[in-house]
Amino acid sequence: MDSKTVEQDKAWYADCDPNTNEPKKTAQMFFTVYYAEKGDKMLHHFQGKIDIGSGNGGIISQLKMQNEMKLTDESWISYQQGKGNEEYQKYMEDLTDMQNHVLPYLQSFCSLEEKGVKERREQQVAEKNESREAVPRAGVEINTAVKDAGKAERKAVAQKKAMPGKAGKR
């Protein structure tokens, strides 16, 4: 999903309106990520959104960028602190959770998925190569068997023809 989002983002970002130099097409993608932490019986979740066509890449890269901005932008941090200590603590917990749990989970999931596809392709190639090697061997065995059967038939026929022929000459 992440790699497909990257491809779509690049394609739409590259197709700019010449008058405004803005992408002709953009979209917002809303999503929910469910994940478990060690020892927890319940799933946690994170809801977010990204812009496709903005030139900022896929889900993971945009979430990293958003998280870094929220952790370092002084005006944004001041705004959050202005909401009160309790709200600010919750805000920082959410950012830390994103950094420590959601992003690593997504990265791990995407790399496993990509690795799985790669391994499946390698296995298919290996199976094709094995079947190509097996076909000639089977063909050779079948041909040999057919040749041997043919020889046996020819010998039997030749012997039958020879016998009556010998008896007829006497």
N, C-alpha and C. Protein backbone atom coordinates (compact mmCIF):
# COMPACT_ATOMS: atom_id res chain seq x y z
N MET A 1 0.84 -1.19 0.00
CA MET A 1 0.00 0.00 0.00
C MET A 1 0.88 1.25 0.00
N ASP A 2 1.93 1.21 0.82
CA ASP A 2 2.80 2.38 0.90
C ASP A 2 3.49 2.65 -0.44
N SER A 3 4.00 1.60 -1.09
CA SER A 3 4.70 1.80 -2.36
C SER A 3 3.74 2.27 -3.45
N LYS A 4 2.50 1.78 -3.44
CA LYS A 4 1.49 2.23 -4.41
C LYS A 4 1.14 3.70 -4.17
N THR A 5 1.08 4.09 -2.91
CA THR A 5 0.79 5.48 -2.57
C THR A 5 1.92 6.38 -3.04
N VAL A 6 3.17 5.93 -2.88
CA VAL A 6 4.33 6.69 -3.35
C VAL A 6 4.24 6.89 -4.86
N GLU A 7 3.94 5.81 -5.60
CA GLU A 7 3.83 5.90 -7.06
C GLU A 7 2.76 6.89 -7.48
N GLN A 8 1.58 6.82 -6.84
CA GLN A 8 0.47 7.72 -7.19
C GLN A 8 0.83 9.16 -6.85
N ASP A 9 1.46 9.36 -5.71
CA ASP A 9 1.87 10.70 -5.29
C ASP A 9 2.82 11.31 -6.32
N LYS A 10 3.81 10.53 -6.75
CA LYS A 10 4.77 11.02 -7.75
C LYS A 10 4.08 11.37 -9.07
N ALA A 11 3.19 10.49 -9.51
CA ALA A 11 2.51 10.71 -10.79
C ALA A 11 1.66 11.97 -10.76
N TRP A 12 0.87 12.14 -9.72
CA TRP A 12 0.02 13.32 -9.63
C TRP A 12 0.83 14.59 -9.41
N TYR A 13 1.89 14.50 -8.62
CA TYR A 13 2.73 15.67 -8.36
C TYR A 13 3.44 16.11 -9.64
N ALA A 14 3.80 15.17 -10.48
CA ALA A 14 4.50 15.50 -11.73
C ALA A 14 3.57 16.16 -12.74
N ASP A 15 2.27 15.90 -12.64
CA ASP A 15 1.29 16.47 -13.58
C ASP A 15 0.78 17.80 -13.03
N CYS A 16 1.55 18.86 -13.26
CA CYS A 16 1.20 20.18 -12.71
C CYS A 16 0.48 21.04 -13.74
N ASP A 17 -0.37 21.92 -13.24
CA ASP A 17 -1.03 22.93 -14.07
C ASP A 17 0.02 23.98 -14.42
N PRO A 18 0.25 24.27 -15.69
CA PRO A 18 1.30 25.23 -16.06
C PRO A 18 1.04 26.65 -15.55
N ASN A 19 -0.20 27.02 -15.34
CA ASN A 19 -0.53 28.38 -14.87
C ASN A 19 -0.25 28.56 -13.38
N THR A 20 -0.56 27.54 -12.58
CA THR A 20 -0.42 27.68 -11.13
C THR A 20 0.78 26.91 -10.57
N ASN A 21 1.34 26.02 -11.38
CA ASN A 21 2.43 25.14 -10.96
C ASN A 21 2.03 24.25 -9.79
N GLU A 22 0.72 24.02 -9.65
CA GLU A 22 0.17 23.12 -8.63
C GLU A 22 -0.28 21.83 -9.31
N PRO A 23 -0.24 20.71 -8.60
CA PRO A 23 -0.72 19.46 -9.19
C PRO A 23 -2.19 19.59 -9.60
N LYS A 24 -2.51 19.01 -10.76
CA LYS A 24 -3.89 19.06 -11.25
C LYS A 24 -4.82 18.23 -10.39
N LYS A 25 -4.28 17.18 -9.77
CA LYS A 25 -5.11 16.28 -8.99
C LYS A 25 -4.41 15.96 -7.67
N THR A 26 -5.17 16.06 -6.59
CA THR A 26 -4.69 15.64 -5.27
C THR A 26 -5.84 14.93 -4.56
N ALA A 27 -5.51 14.19 -3.54
CA ALA A 27 -6.53 13.51 -2.75
C ALA A 27 -6.04 13.38 -1.32
N GLN A 28 -6.98 13.31 -0.40
CA GLN A 28 -6.63 13.04 0.98
C GLN A 28 -7.02 11.61 1.29
N MET A 29 -6.13 10.92 1.97
CA MET A 29 -6.41 9.55 2.36
C MET A 29 -6.48 9.51 3.89
N PHE A 30 -7.62 9.07 4.39
CA PHE A 30 -7.81 8.90 5.83
C PHE A 30 -7.64 7.42 6.15
N PHE A 31 -7.00 7.11 7.27
CA PHE A 31 -6.75 5.72 7.60
C PHE A 31 -6.70 5.53 9.11
N THR A 32 -6.82 4.28 9.51
CA THR A 32 -6.69 3.88 10.90
C THR A 32 -5.72 2.72 10.94
N VAL A 33 -4.73 2.81 11.81
CA VAL A 33 -3.75 1.74 12.00
C VAL A 33 -4.04 1.12 13.36
N TYR A 34 -4.28 -0.19 13.36
CA TYR A 34 -4.48 -0.94 14.61
C TYR A 34 -3.19 -1.69 14.90
N TYR A 35 -2.76 -1.64 16.14
CA TYR A 35 -1.52 -2.31 16.52
C TYR A 35 -1.59 -2.73 17.98
N ALA A 36 -0.77 -3.72 18.31
CA ALA A 36 -0.71 -4.21 19.69
C ALA A 36 0.66 -3.91 20.26
N GLU A 37 0.69 -3.60 21.53
CA GLU A 37 1.95 -3.45 22.24
C GLU A 37 2.16 -4.70 23.08
N LYS A 38 3.42 -4.98 23.39
CA LYS A 38 3.73 -6.19 24.16
C LYS A 38 2.96 -6.20 25.48
N GLY A 39 2.35 -7.33 25.74
CA GLY A 39 1.65 -7.51 27.01
C GLY A 39 0.25 -6.94 27.04
N ASP A 40 -0.14 -6.15 26.04
CA ASP A 40 -1.48 -5.57 26.04
C ASP A 40 -2.48 -6.56 25.48
N LYS A 41 -3.65 -6.59 26.09
CA LYS A 41 -4.72 -7.48 25.63
C LYS A 41 -5.58 -6.81 24.57
N MET A 42 -5.56 -5.48 24.53
CA MET A 42 -6.40 -4.75 23.58
C MET A 42 -5.53 -4.09 22.51
N LEU A 43 -6.12 -3.92 21.34
CA LEU A 43 -5.42 -3.22 20.26
C LEU A 43 -5.48 -1.73 20.48
N HIS A 44 -4.41 -1.06 20.13
CA HIS A 44 -4.38 0.39 20.12
C HIS A 44 -4.66 0.80 18.69
N HIS A 45 -5.00 2.05 18.49
CA HIS A 45 -5.20 2.51 17.13
C HIS A 45 -4.72 3.94 16.96
N PHE A 46 -4.41 4.25 15.74
CA PHE A 46 -3.99 5.59 15.37
C PHE A 46 -4.74 5.96 14.10
N GLN A 47 -5.35 7.14 14.12
CA GLN A 47 -6.04 7.63 12.93
C GLN A 47 -5.26 8.80 12.37
N GLY A 48 -5.17 8.85 11.05
CA GLY A 48 -4.44 9.93 10.42
C GLY A 48 -4.92 10.19 9.01
N LYS A 49 -4.28 11.15 8.38
CA LYS A 49 -4.58 11.45 6.98
C LYS A 49 -3.31 11.93 6.31
N ILE A 50 -3.22 11.66 5.02
CA ILE A 50 -2.11 12.15 4.22
C ILE A 50 -2.67 12.74 2.93
N ASP A 51 -1.85 13.51 2.26
CA ASP A 51 -2.22 14.09 0.98
C ASP A 51 -1.47 13.36 -0.12
N ILE A 52 -2.21 12.85 -1.09
CA ILE A 52 -1.60 12.20 -2.25
C ILE A 52 -1.56 13.22 -3.38
N GLY A 53 -0.40 13.38 -3.99
CA GLY A 53 -0.22 14.36 -5.05
C GLY A 53 0.53 15.60 -4.58
N SER A 54 0.91 15.62 -3.32
CA SER A 54 1.61 16.77 -2.75
C SER A 54 3.12 16.68 -2.96
N GLY A 55 3.59 15.51 -3.38
CA GLY A 55 5.02 15.31 -3.57
C GLY A 55 5.75 14.90 -2.29
N ASN A 56 4.98 14.53 -1.27
CA ASN A 56 5.59 14.16 0.02
C ASN A 56 5.73 12.66 0.22
N GLY A 57 5.42 11.87 -0.80
CA GLY A 57 5.65 10.44 -0.71
C GLY A 57 4.47 9.65 -0.21
N GLY A 58 4.79 8.49 0.37
CA GLY A 58 3.77 7.56 0.82
C GLY A 58 3.35 7.77 2.26
N ILE A 59 2.67 6.79 2.77
CA ILE A 59 2.10 6.86 4.11
C ILE A 59 3.19 7.03 5.16
N ILE A 60 4.20 6.18 5.11
CA ILE A 60 5.24 6.21 6.14
C ILE A 60 6.02 7.51 6.11
N SER A 61 6.46 7.92 4.92
CA SER A 61 7.26 9.15 4.85
C SER A 61 6.45 10.37 5.28
N GLN A 62 5.17 10.41 4.94
CA GLN A 62 4.35 11.56 5.34
C GLN A 62 4.08 11.56 6.84
N LEU A 63 3.87 10.38 7.41
CA LEU A 63 3.66 10.32 8.86
C LEU A 63 4.92 10.73 9.61
N LYS A 64 6.08 10.30 9.12
CA LYS A 64 7.35 10.73 9.74
C LYS A 64 7.49 12.25 9.69
N MET A 65 7.21 12.80 8.51
CA MET A 65 7.34 14.25 8.33
C MET A 65 6.37 15.00 9.24
N GLN A 66 5.13 14.54 9.32
CA GLN A 66 4.14 15.18 10.18
C GLN A 66 4.57 15.11 11.65
N ASN A 67 5.07 13.96 12.07
CA ASN A 67 5.47 13.78 13.46
C ASN A 67 6.66 14.67 13.80
N GLU A 68 7.65 14.73 12.91
CA GLU A 68 8.82 15.59 13.14
C GLU A 68 8.42 17.05 13.22
N MET A 69 7.51 17.46 12.34
CA MET A 69 7.06 18.85 12.37
C MET A 69 6.37 19.16 13.70
N LYS A 70 5.53 18.27 14.16
CA LYS A 70 4.80 18.49 15.41
C LYS A 70 5.72 18.47 16.63
N LEU A 71 6.85 17.77 16.52
CA LEU A 71 7.81 17.73 17.62
C LEU A 71 8.76 18.92 17.63
N THR A 72 8.93 19.58 16.50
CA THR A 72 9.95 20.63 16.41
C THR A 72 9.42 22.04 16.11
N ASP A 73 8.22 22.16 15.62
CA ASP A 73 7.67 23.47 15.26
C ASP A 73 7.28 24.23 16.54
N GLU A 74 8.04 25.27 16.84
CA GLU A 74 7.84 26.02 18.09
C GLU A 74 6.43 26.62 18.21
N SER A 75 5.91 27.16 17.12
CA SER A 75 4.58 27.77 17.21
C SER A 75 3.51 26.71 17.45
N TRP A 76 3.67 25.54 16.85
CA TRP A 76 2.72 24.45 17.06
C TRP A 76 2.80 23.94 18.50
N ILE A 77 4.03 23.80 19.01
CA ILE A 77 4.22 23.35 20.39
C ILE A 77 3.64 24.37 21.37
N SER A 78 3.87 25.65 21.12
CA SER A 78 3.29 26.70 21.99
C SER A 78 1.77 26.64 21.98
N TYR A 79 1.21 26.43 20.80
CA TYR A 79 -0.25 26.31 20.68
C TYR A 79 -0.76 25.15 21.54
N GLN A 80 -0.07 24.01 21.48
CA GLN A 80 -0.49 22.84 22.26
C GLN A 80 -0.32 23.10 23.76
N GLN A 81 0.75 23.78 24.16
CA GLN A 81 0.97 24.09 25.57
C GLN A 81 -0.11 25.04 26.08
N GLY A 82 -0.60 25.89 25.21
CA GLY A 82 -1.66 26.84 25.57
C GLY A 82 -2.97 26.16 25.91
N LYS A 83 -3.13 24.94 25.52
CA LYS A 83 -4.36 24.18 25.83
C LYS A 83 -4.38 23.67 27.27
N GLY A 84 -3.25 23.78 27.95
CA GLY A 84 -3.18 23.29 29.33
C GLY A 84 -2.24 22.11 29.43
N ASN A 85 -1.75 21.89 30.64
CA ASN A 85 -0.75 20.86 30.88
C ASN A 85 -1.25 19.45 30.54
N GLU A 86 -2.48 19.16 30.94
CA GLU A 86 -3.03 17.82 30.70
C GLU A 86 -3.14 17.54 29.19
N GLU A 87 -3.65 18.49 28.44
CA GLU A 87 -3.78 18.35 26.98
C GLU A 87 -2.40 18.23 26.33
N TYR A 88 -1.47 19.03 26.83
CA TYR A 88 -0.12 19.00 26.26
C TYR A 88 0.55 17.63 26.52
N GLN A 89 0.36 17.09 27.71
CA GLN A 89 0.93 15.77 28.03
C GLN A 89 0.33 14.69 27.11
N LYS A 90 -0.98 14.77 26.89
CA LYS A 90 -1.64 13.81 26.00
C LYS A 90 -1.09 13.97 24.58
N TYR A 91 -0.92 15.18 24.14
CA TYR A 91 -0.37 15.48 22.81
C TYR A 91 1.03 14.86 22.67
N MET A 92 1.89 15.07 23.65
CA MET A 92 3.25 14.54 23.60
C MET A 92 3.26 13.00 23.66
N GLU A 93 2.34 12.42 24.45
CA GLU A 93 2.23 10.97 24.50
C GLU A 93 1.85 10.40 23.13
N ASP A 94 0.92 11.08 22.46
CA ASP A 94 0.50 10.64 21.12
C ASP A 94 1.67 10.71 20.13
N LEU A 95 2.45 11.77 20.18
CA LEU A 95 3.60 11.90 19.27
C LEU A 95 4.66 10.84 19.57
N THR A 96 4.90 10.60 20.85
CA THR A 96 5.87 9.59 21.26
C THR A 96 5.38 8.20 20.84
N ASP A 97 4.09 7.96 21.02
CA ASP A 97 3.50 6.68 20.61
C ASP A 97 3.67 6.49 19.11
N MET A 98 3.45 7.55 18.36
CA MET A 98 3.63 7.48 16.90
C MET A 98 5.07 7.12 16.57
N GLN A 99 5.99 7.79 17.20
CA GLN A 99 7.41 7.59 16.92
C GLN A 99 7.90 6.21 17.37
N ASN A 100 7.46 5.77 18.52
CA ASN A 100 7.97 4.52 19.10
C ASN A 100 7.20 3.26 18.71
N HIS A 101 5.94 3.42 18.28
CA HIS A 101 5.13 2.23 18.03
C HIS A 101 4.52 2.19 16.63
N VAL A 102 3.81 3.24 16.26
CA VAL A 102 3.09 3.21 14.98
C VAL A 102 4.04 3.16 13.79
N LEU A 103 5.00 4.07 13.74
CA LEU A 103 5.92 4.10 12.60
C LEU A 103 6.76 2.82 12.49
N PRO A 104 7.36 2.33 13.58
CA PRO A 104 8.10 1.07 13.46
C PRO A 104 7.20 -0.10 13.03
N TYR A 105 5.96 -0.13 13.54
CA TYR A 105 5.03 -1.18 13.15
C TYR A 105 4.75 -1.12 11.65
N LEU A 106 4.46 0.08 11.15
CA LEU A 106 4.18 0.23 9.71
C LEU A 106 5.40 -0.12 8.87
N GLN A 107 6.57 0.32 9.29
CA GLN A 107 7.79 0.00 8.54
C GLN A 107 8.02 -1.51 8.51
N SER A 108 7.83 -2.15 9.64
CA SER A 108 8.01 -3.59 9.73
C SER A 108 7.00 -4.31 8.84
N PHE A 109 5.75 -3.89 8.91
CA PHE A 109 4.71 -4.51 8.11
C PHE A 109 5.00 -4.36 6.62
N CYS A 110 5.38 -3.16 6.20
CA CYS A 110 5.65 -2.93 4.78
C CYS A 110 6.86 -3.72 4.31
N SER A 111 7.90 -3.82 5.11
CA SER A 111 9.07 -4.57 4.68
C SER A 111 8.78 -6.06 4.64
N LEU A 112 7.94 -6.56 5.55
CA LEU A 112 7.56 -7.97 5.50
C LEU A 112 6.75 -8.27 4.25
N GLU A 113 5.84 -7.37 3.95
CA GLU A 113 4.99 -7.56 2.77
C GLU A 113 5.84 -7.56 1.51
N GLU A 114 6.75 -6.61 1.39
CA GLU A 114 7.60 -6.54 0.21
C GLU A 114 8.52 -7.75 0.15
N LYS A 115 9.04 -8.19 1.28
CA LYS A 115 9.90 -9.35 1.31
C LYS A 115 9.11 -10.59 0.91
N GLY A 116 7.89 -10.70 1.38
CA GLY A 116 7.04 -11.83 1.03
C GLY A 116 6.80 -11.91 -0.47
N VAL A 117 6.55 -10.78 -1.11
CA VAL A 117 6.35 -10.75 -2.55
C VAL A 117 7.62 -11.18 -3.27
N LYS A 118 8.75 -10.67 -2.81
CA LYS A 118 10.04 -11.01 -3.43
C LYS A 118 10.32 -12.50 -3.29
N GLU A 119 10.10 -13.04 -2.09
CA GLU A 119 10.34 -14.46 -1.86
C GLU A 119 9.41 -15.32 -2.71
N ARG A 120 8.15 -14.90 -2.87
CA ARG A 120 7.20 -15.64 -3.69
C ARG A 120 7.66 -15.67 -5.15
N ARG A 121 8.14 -14.53 -5.65
CA ARG A 121 8.65 -14.47 -7.02
C ARG A 121 9.85 -15.38 -7.20
N GLU A 122 10.78 -15.34 -6.24
CA GLU A 122 11.96 -16.20 -6.31
C GLU A 122 11.56 -17.67 -6.29
N GLN A 123 10.56 -18.02 -5.49
CA GLN A 123 10.10 -19.40 -5.42
C GLN A 123 9.47 -19.81 -6.75
N GLN A 124 8.69 -18.92 -7.36
CA GLN A 124 8.06 -19.23 -8.65
C GLN A 124 9.12 -19.46 -9.72
N VAL A 125 10.17 -18.63 -9.73
CA VAL A 125 11.25 -18.79 -10.70
C VAL A 125 11.95 -20.13 -10.48
N ALA A 126 12.21 -20.46 -9.22
CA ALA A 126 12.87 -21.73 -8.90
C ALA A 126 12.00 -22.91 -9.34
N GLU A 127 10.69 -22.81 -9.11
CA GLU A 127 9.79 -23.89 -9.52
C GLU A 127 9.77 -24.04 -11.04
N LYS A 128 9.78 -22.92 -11.76
CA LYS A 128 9.82 -22.98 -13.23
C LYS A 128 11.09 -23.65 -13.69
N ASN A 129 12.22 -23.25 -13.09
CA ASN A 129 13.51 -23.85 -13.47
C ASN A 129 13.52 -25.35 -13.18
N GLU A 130 12.97 -25.74 -12.04
CA GLU A 130 12.91 -27.16 -11.70
C GLU A 130 12.04 -27.92 -12.69
N SER A 131 10.91 -27.33 -13.06
CA SER A 131 10.01 -28.03 -13.98
C SER A 131 10.64 -28.12 -15.37
N ARG A 132 11.41 -27.12 -15.76
CA ARG A 132 12.11 -27.17 -17.05
C ARG A 132 13.15 -28.27 -17.05
N GLU A 133 13.84 -28.42 -15.92
CA GLU A 133 14.85 -29.48 -15.81
C GLU A 133 14.18 -30.85 -15.77
N ALA A 134 13.03 -30.94 -15.14
CA ALA A 134 12.35 -32.22 -14.98
C ALA A 134 11.74 -32.69 -16.30
N VAL A 135 11.26 -31.77 -17.12
CA VAL A 135 10.62 -32.14 -18.37
C VAL A 135 11.57 -32.89 -19.30
N PRO A 136 12.78 -32.38 -19.59
CA PRO A 136 13.67 -33.14 -20.46
C PRO A 136 14.01 -34.51 -19.90
N ARG A 137 14.22 -34.61 -18.59
CA ARG A 137 14.54 -35.91 -17.98
C ARG A 137 13.38 -36.88 -18.20
N ALA A 138 12.18 -36.42 -17.95
CA ALA A 138 11.02 -37.28 -18.13
C ALA A 138 10.90 -37.65 -19.61
N GLY A 139 11.16 -36.70 -20.47
CA GLY A 139 11.09 -36.96 -21.90
C GLY A 139 12.12 -37.98 -22.33
N VAL A 140 13.30 -37.91 -21.79
CA VAL A 140 14.36 -38.86 -22.12
C VAL A 140 13.97 -40.24 -21.64
N GLU A 141 13.44 -40.33 -20.42
CA GLU A 141 13.03 -41.63 -19.90
C GLU A 141 11.91 -42.22 -20.73
N ILE A 142 10.94 -41.41 -21.10
CA ILE A 142 9.82 -41.88 -21.91
C ILE A 142 10.33 -42.32 -23.27
N ASN A 143 11.16 -41.51 -23.89
CA ASN A 143 11.69 -41.86 -25.20
C ASN A 143 12.51 -43.15 -25.13
N THR A 144 13.30 -43.30 -24.09
CA THR A 144 14.10 -44.50 -23.93
C THR A 144 13.19 -45.71 -23.79
N ALA A 145 12.16 -45.55 -22.98
CA ALA A 145 11.22 -46.65 -22.79
C ALA A 145 10.54 -46.99 -24.11
N VAL A 146 10.15 -45.99 -24.86
CA VAL A 146 9.51 -46.22 -26.15
C VAL A 146 10.49 -46.90 -27.10
N LYS A 147 11.73 -46.44 -27.12
CA LYS A 147 12.74 -47.05 -27.99
C LYS A 147 12.96 -48.51 -27.60
N ASP A 148 13.09 -48.77 -26.28
CA ASP A 148 13.30 -50.13 -25.81
C ASP A 148 12.11 -51.01 -26.17
N ALA A 149 10.91 -50.47 -25.98
CA ALA A 149 9.70 -51.24 -26.32
C ALA A 149 9.68 -51.50 -27.82
N GLY A 150 10.06 -50.53 -28.59
CA GLY A 150 10.10 -50.67 -30.05
C GLY A 150 11.10 -51.74 -30.46
N LYS A 151 12.26 -51.75 -29.82
CA LYS A 151 13.29 -52.76 -30.13
C LYS A 151 12.75 -54.15 -29.81
N ALA A 152 12.12 -54.26 -28.66
CA ALA A 152 11.58 -55.57 -28.25
C ALA A 152 10.52 -56.03 -29.24
N GLU A 153 9.66 -55.11 -29.67
CA GLU A 153 8.63 -55.46 -30.64
C GLU A 153 9.26 -55.88 -31.96
N ARG A 154 10.24 -55.12 -32.42
CA ARG A 154 10.90 -55.43 -33.70
C ARG A 154 11.59 -56.80 -33.64
N LYS A 155 12.23 -57.10 -32.46
CA LYS A 155 12.89 -58.40 -32.31
C LYS A 155 11.87 -59.52 -32.38
N ALA A 156 10.74 -59.32 -31.67
CA ALA A 156 9.71 -60.36 -31.65
C ALA A 156 9.14 -60.57 -33.06
N VAL A 157 8.88 -59.50 -33.75
CA VAL A 157 8.34 -59.57 -35.11
C VAL A 157 9.36 -60.21 -36.04
N ALA A 158 10.60 -59.81 -35.90
CA ALA A 158 11.66 -60.37 -36.76
C ALA A 158 11.82 -61.86 -36.51
N GLN A 159 11.73 -62.27 -35.23
CA GLN A 159 11.87 -63.70 -34.92
C GLN A 159 10.70 -64.49 -35.48
N LYS A 160 9.47 -63.94 -35.39
CA LYS A 160 8.28 -64.62 -35.91
C LYS A 160 8.40 -64.77 -37.42
N LYS A 161 8.84 -63.72 -38.10
CA LYS A 161 8.99 -63.76 -39.54
C LYS A 161 10.09 -64.76 -39.94
N ALA A 162 11.13 -64.80 -39.17
CA ALA A 162 12.26 -65.67 -39.48
C ALA A 162 11.88 -67.13 -39.33
N MET A 163 11.11 -67.44 -38.32
CA MET A 163 10.74 -68.84 -38.07
C MET A 163 9.92 -69.41 -39.22
N PRO A 164 8.81 -68.75 -39.62
CA PRO A 164 8.05 -69.34 -40.70
C PRO A 164 8.88 -69.39 -41.99
N GLY A 165 9.71 -68.44 -42.14
CA GLY A 165 10.54 -68.41 -43.34
C GLY A 165 11.48 -69.59 -43.40
N LYS A 166 12.06 -69.95 -42.26
CA LYS A 166 12.99 -71.09 -42.19
C LYS A 166 12.23 -72.37 -42.44
N ALA A 167 11.05 -72.45 -41.84
CA ALA A 167 10.28 -73.69 -42.00
C ALA A 167 9.83 -73.86 -43.44
N GLY A 168 9.57 -72.79 -44.13
CA GLY A 168 9.11 -72.86 -45.51
C GLY A 168 10.20 -73.28 -46.46
N LYS A 169 11.45 -73.00 -46.17
CA LYS A 169 12.58 -73.31 -47.04
C LYS A 169 12.94 -74.78 -46.93
N ARG A 170 12.66 -75.46 -45.90
CA ARG A 170 13.07 -76.83 -45.70
C ARG A 170 12.28 -77.66 -46.57
